[in-house]
Amino acid sequence: MELIDVYDKKKEKTGKTFDRDSGKLSKGEYRLSVHVWIVNSKGEFLIQKRSENVKHPGKWAFTGGCVDMGESSIDGAIREVYEELGVLLSKDEFEFFMSFKRKKSFVDVWFVKKDIDINDMILQREEVADVKWVSLKEINKLINDGKFVRSVNLYFDFFAKLLEKYHNITMEK
C-alpha cells in the first residue's frame, strides 16, 4: 500500500490520505507529483522510456512520480530519481522550476543541471525500460509522433519558452 497526502485546490494538505493503488480522490481533491528535468552541459534532457507494466507503457517521459505521504516535494523528487535511475542527488542540486495543475494533481517541476553517465545508472526495470539524452527538438518530435507521455504535451510550448528565457535552452540545440 502506497499512501499519498490529499491536497485542496490551493495546494494545501487536507490532513487526509489515500491509497494510490486502490483509492480515489473526490471532487476538489488533488495529489502532488514531481517531474525532474535533468539537463547536461550540452543542453540535453535525460528522458526515460516507461516499462510495459506501468501507465503509459512504452512512452518516453521525464523522471518523476507521486510524492508519498509526509514527504516534501523536493524529497519526493530526490527519491524518484534514486528509485528509477539509481542516481543519488542532493537537495542543493535541485532548482524549483515551476508548478502546474492537472485534473487530479499538482505537478512540481524540478530542474537539475548535471552530467550523468547513462552507463552508471541502475534502472528500476519495473518502471523504466530505457534512458537517453535528447534535445528539446527531439522531445518535440517524440511528442508530435505520440511517443511522449501526454502530461507534458499539453504544456510543451510554454515549457520551451520558459527554458529559453531562464536557462538559455532552445529548440535549436
C-alpha atoms as a PDB file:
ATOM      1  CA  MET A   1       0.000   0.000   0.000  1.00  0.00           C
ATOM      2  CA  GLU A   2       1.342   3.400  -1.013  1.00  0.00           C
ATOM      3  CA  LEU A   3      -0.242   6.242   0.954  1.00  0.00           C
ATOM      4  CA  ILE A   4      -0.433   9.702  -0.582  1.00  0.00           C
ATOM      5  CA  ASP A   5      -1.370  13.020   1.052  1.00  0.00           C
ATOM      6  CA  VAL A   6      -4.535  14.701  -0.238  1.00  0.00           C
ATOM      7  CA  TYR A   7      -4.332  18.397  -1.222  1.00  0.00           C
ATOM      8  CA  ASP A   8      -7.033  21.002  -1.777  1.00  0.00           C
ATOM      9  CA  LYS A   9      -7.361  23.368  -4.753  1.00  0.00           C
ATOM     10  CA  LYS A  10      -4.870  25.761  -3.120  1.00  0.00           C
ATOM     11  CA  LYS A  11      -2.231  23.004  -2.938  1.00  0.00           C
ATOM     12  CA  GLU A  12      -2.531  22.741   0.830  1.00  0.00           C
ATOM     13  CA  LYS A  13      -2.629  19.397   2.637  1.00  0.00           C
ATOM     14  CA  THR A  14      -6.101  18.493   3.874  1.00  0.00           C
ATOM     15  CA  GLY A  15      -4.921  16.052   6.546  1.00  0.00           C
ATOM     16  CA  LYS A  16      -6.460  13.170   4.591  1.00  0.00           C
ATOM     17  CA  THR A  17      -4.583  10.413   2.779  1.00  0.00           C
ATOM     18  CA  PHE A  18      -5.500   7.818   0.185  1.00  0.00           C
ATOM     19  CA  ASP A  19      -4.044   4.581  -1.127  1.00  0.00           C
ATOM     20  CA  ARG A  20      -2.518   5.332  -4.502  1.00  0.00           C
ATOM     21  CA  ASP A  21      -3.258   1.874  -5.871  1.00  0.00           C
ATOM     22  CA  SER A  22      -6.874   1.454  -4.802  1.00  0.00           C
ATOM     23  CA  GLY A  23      -8.109   4.816  -3.551  1.00  0.00           C
ATOM     24  CA  LYS A  24      -9.916   7.534  -5.464  1.00  0.00           C
ATOM     25  CA  LEU A  25      -9.807  11.256  -4.987  1.00  0.00           C
ATOM     26  CA  SER A  26     -13.075  13.112  -4.517  1.00  0.00           C
ATOM     27  CA  LYS A  27     -14.043  16.273  -6.371  1.00  0.00           C
ATOM     28  CA  GLY A  28     -11.756  19.141  -5.334  1.00  0.00           C
ATOM     29  CA  GLU A  29      -9.035  16.788  -4.046  1.00  0.00           C
ATOM     30  CA  TYR A  30      -5.575  16.510  -5.565  1.00  0.00           C
ATOM     31  CA  ARG A  31      -2.326  14.628  -5.124  1.00  0.00           C
ATOM     32  CA  LEU A  32       1.179  16.039  -5.525  1.00  0.00           C
ATOM     33  CA  SER A  33       3.518  14.688  -8.183  1.00  0.00           C
ATOM     34  CA  VAL A  34       7.012  15.684  -9.265  1.00  0.00           C
ATOM     35  CA  HIS A  35       8.893  15.812 -12.554  1.00  0.00           C
ATOM     36  CA  VAL A  36      12.670  16.041 -12.522  1.00  0.00           C
ATOM     37  CA  TRP A  37      14.185  17.573 -15.622  1.00  0.00           C
ATOM     38  CA  ILE A  38      17.868  16.642 -15.645  1.00  0.00           C
ATOM     39  CA  VAL A  39      19.870  18.644 -18.199  1.00  0.00           C
ATOM     40  CA  ASN A  40      23.501  18.002 -19.124  1.00  0.00           C
ATOM     41  CA  SER A  41      26.161  20.549 -20.129  1.00  0.00           C
ATOM     42  CA  LYS A  42      25.149  20.129 -23.809  1.00  0.00           C
ATOM     43  CA  GLY A  43      21.588  21.281 -23.022  1.00  0.00           C
ATOM     44  CA  GLU A  44      20.203  17.760 -23.490  1.00  0.00           C
ATOM     45  CA  PHE A  45      17.456  16.335 -21.283  1.00  0.00           C
ATOM     46  CA  LEU A  46      17.540  12.913 -19.676  1.00  0.00           C
ATOM     47  CA  ILE A  47      14.341  11.079 -20.532  1.00  0.00           C
ATOM     48  CA  GLN A  48      13.215   7.572 -19.768  1.00  0.00           C
ATOM     49  CA  LYS A  49      11.092   5.063 -21.615  1.00  0.00           C
ATOM     50  CA  ARG A  50       8.339   3.663 -19.430  1.00  0.00           C
ATOM     51  CA  SER A  51       8.234  -0.115 -18.978  1.00  0.00           C
ATOM     52  CA  GLU A  52       5.340  -2.210 -20.251  1.00  0.00           C
ATOM     53  CA  ASN A  53       3.893  -2.722 -16.711  1.00  0.00           C
ATOM     54  CA  VAL A  54       3.108   0.921 -15.876  1.00  0.00           C
ATOM     55  CA  LYS A  55       0.668   3.584 -17.001  1.00  0.00           C
ATOM     56  CA  HIS A  56       1.585   4.897 -20.484  1.00  0.00           C
ATOM     57  CA  PRO A  57       3.721   1.836 -21.361  1.00  0.00           C
ATOM     58  CA  GLY A  58       6.463   2.345 -23.915  1.00  0.00           C
ATOM     59  CA  LYS A  59       6.146   6.144 -23.853  1.00  0.00           C
ATOM     60  CA  TRP A  60       9.034   8.486 -23.111  1.00  0.00           C
ATOM     61  CA  ALA A  61       8.829  10.750 -20.049  1.00  0.00           C
ATOM     62  CA  PHE A  62      10.804  12.766 -17.556  1.00  0.00           C
ATOM     63  CA  THR A  63      11.716  11.088 -14.284  1.00  0.00           C
ATOM     64  CA  GLY A  64       9.021  11.556 -11.676  1.00  0.00           C
ATOM     65  CA  GLY A  65       6.074  10.264  -9.760  1.00  0.00           C
ATOM     66  CA  CYS A  66       3.809  10.802  -6.770  1.00  0.00           C
ATOM     67  CA  VAL A  67       5.027  12.405  -3.584  1.00  0.00           C
ATOM     68  CA  ASP A  68       4.485   9.983  -0.686  1.00  0.00           C
ATOM     69  CA  MET A  69       2.573  10.745   2.497  1.00  0.00           C
ATOM     70  CA  GLY A  70       4.551  13.070   4.776  1.00  0.00           C
ATOM     71  CA  GLU A  71       7.156  13.735   2.098  1.00  0.00           C
ATOM     72  CA  SER A  72       8.036  17.178   0.752  1.00  0.00           C
ATOM     73  CA  SER A  73       8.148  17.869  -2.977  1.00  0.00           C
ATOM     74  CA  ILE A  74      11.961  18.045  -3.042  1.00  0.00           C
ATOM     75  CA  ASP A  75      12.273  14.825  -1.031  1.00  0.00           C
ATOM     76  CA  GLY A  76       9.887  13.116  -3.457  1.00  0.00           C
ATOM     77  CA  ALA A  77      11.996  14.334  -6.376  1.00  0.00           C
ATOM     78  CA  ILE A  78      15.198  13.003  -4.808  1.00  0.00           C
ATOM     79  CA  ARG A  79      13.541   9.655  -4.036  1.00  0.00           C
ATOM     80  CA  GLU A  80      12.082   9.249  -7.541  1.00  0.00           C
ATOM     81  CA  VAL A  81      15.457   9.883  -9.231  1.00  0.00           C
ATOM     82  CA  TYR A  82      17.123   7.376  -6.905  1.00  0.00           C
ATOM     83  CA  GLU A  83      14.395   4.715  -7.250  1.00  0.00           C
ATOM     84  CA  GLU A  84      14.045   4.945 -11.005  1.00  0.00           C
ATOM     85  CA  LEU A  85      17.636   5.685 -12.093  1.00  0.00           C
ATOM     86  CA  GLY A  86      19.817   4.653  -9.149  1.00  0.00           C
ATOM     87  CA  VAL A  87      21.276   8.176  -9.036  1.00  0.00           C
ATOM     88  CA  LEU A  88      21.526   9.902  -5.660  1.00  0.00           C
ATOM     89  CA  LEU A  89      21.303  13.679  -5.883  1.00  0.00           C
ATOM     90  CA  SER A  90      21.476  16.201  -3.056  1.00  0.00           C
ATOM     91  CA  LYS A  91      18.922  18.939  -2.370  1.00  0.00           C
ATOM     92  CA  ASP A  92      21.362  21.670  -3.411  1.00  0.00           C
ATOM     93  CA  GLU A  93      21.490  20.210  -6.957  1.00  0.00           C
ATOM     94  CA  PHE A  94      17.765  20.884  -7.464  1.00  0.00           C
ATOM     95  CA  GLU A  95      16.223  24.145  -8.588  1.00  0.00           C
ATOM     96  CA  PHE A  96      12.457  24.592  -8.376  1.00  0.00           C
ATOM     97  CA  PHE A  97      11.296  25.412 -11.899  1.00  0.00           C
ATOM     98  CA  MET A  98       7.509  25.610 -11.780  1.00  0.00           C
ATOM     99  CA  SER A  99       4.269  24.001 -10.690  1.00  0.00           C
ATOM    100  CA  PHE A 100       1.192  23.270 -12.776  1.00  0.00           C
ATOM    101  CA  LYS A 101      -2.193  21.748 -12.077  1.00  0.00           C
ATOM    102  CA  ARG A 102      -3.761  18.824 -13.877  1.00  0.00           C
ATOM    103  CA  LYS A 103      -7.205  17.312 -13.426  1.00  0.00           C
ATOM    104  CA  LYS A 104      -6.371  15.452 -10.194  1.00  0.00           C
ATOM    105  CA  SER A 105      -2.838  16.505  -9.312  1.00  0.00           C
ATOM    106  CA  PHE A 106      -0.396  19.309  -8.869  1.00  0.00           C
ATOM    107  CA  VAL A 107       2.954  18.740 -10.565  1.00  0.00           C
ATOM    108  CA  ASP A 108       6.109  20.365  -9.223  1.00  0.00           C
ATOM    109  CA  VAL A 109       8.873  20.511 -11.818  1.00  0.00           C
ATOM    110  CA  TRP A 110      12.456  20.396 -10.533  1.00  0.00           C
ATOM    111  CA  PHE A 111      15.441  21.278 -12.685  1.00  0.00           C
ATOM    112  CA  VAL A 112      18.874  19.649 -12.245  1.00  0.00           C
ATOM    113  CA  LYS A 113      21.978  20.588 -14.258  1.00  0.00           C
ATOM    114  CA  LYS A 114      24.295  17.604 -14.171  1.00  0.00           C
ATOM    115  CA  ASP A 115      26.283  15.391 -16.480  1.00  0.00           C
ATOM    116  CA  ILE A 116      25.406  11.801 -15.632  1.00  0.00           C
ATOM    117  CA  ASP A 117      26.774   8.785 -17.485  1.00  0.00           C
ATOM    118  CA  ILE A 118      23.869   6.587 -18.565  1.00  0.00           C
ATOM    119  CA  ASN A 119      26.091   3.534 -18.084  1.00  0.00           C
ATOM    120  CA  ASP A 120      26.344   4.325 -14.355  1.00  0.00           C
ATOM    121  CA  MET A 121      22.578   4.245 -13.853  1.00  0.00           C
ATOM    122  CA  ILE A 122      20.756   1.358 -12.225  1.00  0.00           C
ATOM    123  CA  LEU A 123      17.305   1.393 -13.809  1.00  0.00           C
ATOM    124  CA  GLN A 124      14.239   0.252 -11.893  1.00  0.00           C
ATOM    125  CA  ARG A 125      13.147  -2.209 -14.572  1.00  0.00           C
ATOM    126  CA  GLU A 126       9.577  -2.450 -13.206  1.00  0.00           C
ATOM    127  CA  GLU A 127       9.091   1.189 -14.277  1.00  0.00           C
ATOM    128  CA  VAL A 128      11.945   2.156 -16.619  1.00  0.00           C
ATOM    129  CA  ALA A 129      12.846   0.288 -19.821  1.00  0.00           C
ATOM    130  CA  ASP A 130      15.476   2.672 -21.196  1.00  0.00           C
ATOM    131  CA  VAL A 131      17.022   6.144 -20.835  1.00  0.00           C
ATOM    132  CA  LYS A 132      18.644   8.576 -23.231  1.00  0.00           C
ATOM    133  CA  TRP A 133      19.811  12.191 -23.577  1.00  0.00           C
ATOM    134  CA  VAL A 134      17.810  14.265 -26.079  1.00  0.00           C
ATOM    135  CA  SER A 135      17.434  17.865 -27.196  1.00  0.00           C
ATOM    136  CA  LEU A 136      14.247  19.893 -26.816  1.00  0.00           C
ATOM    137  CA  LYS A 137      13.799  19.489 -30.561  1.00  0.00           C
ATOM    138  CA  GLU A 138      13.904  15.697 -30.164  1.00  0.00           C
ATOM    139  CA  ILE A 139      11.372  15.857 -27.309  1.00  0.00           C
ATOM    140  CA  ASN A 140       9.099  17.919 -29.540  1.00  0.00           C
ATOM    141  CA  LYS A 141       9.385  15.260 -32.272  1.00  0.00           C
ATOM    142  CA  LEU A 142       8.562  12.486 -29.779  1.00  0.00           C
ATOM    143  CA  ILE A 143       5.507  14.494 -28.701  1.00  0.00           C
ATOM    144  CA  ASN A 144       4.390  15.050 -32.302  1.00  0.00           C
ATOM    145  CA  ASP A 145       4.872  11.333 -33.038  1.00  0.00           C
ATOM    146  CA  GLY A 146       2.734  10.375 -29.988  1.00  0.00           C
ATOM    147  CA  LYS A 147       5.692   8.754 -28.226  1.00  0.00           C
ATOM    148  CA  PHE A 148       5.889  11.038 -25.162  1.00  0.00           C
ATOM    149  CA  VAL A 149       3.541  10.943 -22.157  1.00  0.00           C
ATOM    150  CA  ARG A 150       0.595  13.265 -22.541  1.00  0.00           C
ATOM    151  CA  SER A 151       1.098  15.279 -19.328  1.00  0.00           C
ATOM    152  CA  VAL A 152       3.919  17.269 -20.927  1.00  0.00           C
ATOM    153  CA  ASN A 153       2.413  17.513 -24.417  1.00  0.00           C
ATOM    154  CA  LEU A 154      -0.260  19.982 -23.386  1.00  0.00           C
ATOM    155  CA  TYR A 155       2.246  22.458 -21.975  1.00  0.00           C
ATOM    156  CA  PHE A 156       5.328  21.842 -24.099  1.00  0.00           C
ATOM    157  CA  ASP A 157       5.386  25.166 -25.969  1.00  0.00           C
ATOM    158  CA  PHE A 158       5.038  27.021 -22.677  1.00  0.00           C
ATOM    159  CA  PHE A 159       7.810  24.945 -21.073  1.00  0.00           C
ATOM    160  CA  ALA A 160      10.097  25.547 -24.059  1.00  0.00           C
ATOM    161  CA  LYS A 161       9.631  29.317 -23.765  1.00  0.00           C
ATOM    162  CA  LEU A 162      10.426  29.233 -20.044  1.00  0.00           C
ATOM    163  CA  LEU A 163      13.519  27.096 -20.621  1.00  0.00           C
ATOM    164  CA  GLU A 164      14.767  29.544 -23.230  1.00  0.00           C
ATOM    165  CA  LYS A 165      14.131  32.562 -21.015  1.00  0.00           C
ATOM    166  CA  TYR A 166      15.517  31.227 -17.746  1.00  0.00           C
ATOM    167  CA  HIS A 167      18.052  28.589 -18.801  1.00  0.00           C
ATOM    168  CA  ASN A 168      19.072  29.578 -22.338  1.00  0.00           C
ATOM    169  CA  ILE A 169      17.970  26.190 -23.684  1.00  0.00           C
ATOM    170  CA  THR A 170      16.323  26.415 -27.102  1.00  0.00           C
ATOM    171  CA  MET A 171      14.723  24.152 -29.665  1.00  0.00           C
ATOM    172  CA  GLU A 172      17.613  24.976 -31.990  1.00  0.00           C
ATOM    173  CA  LYS A 173      20.120  22.923 -29.992  1.00  0.00           C
END
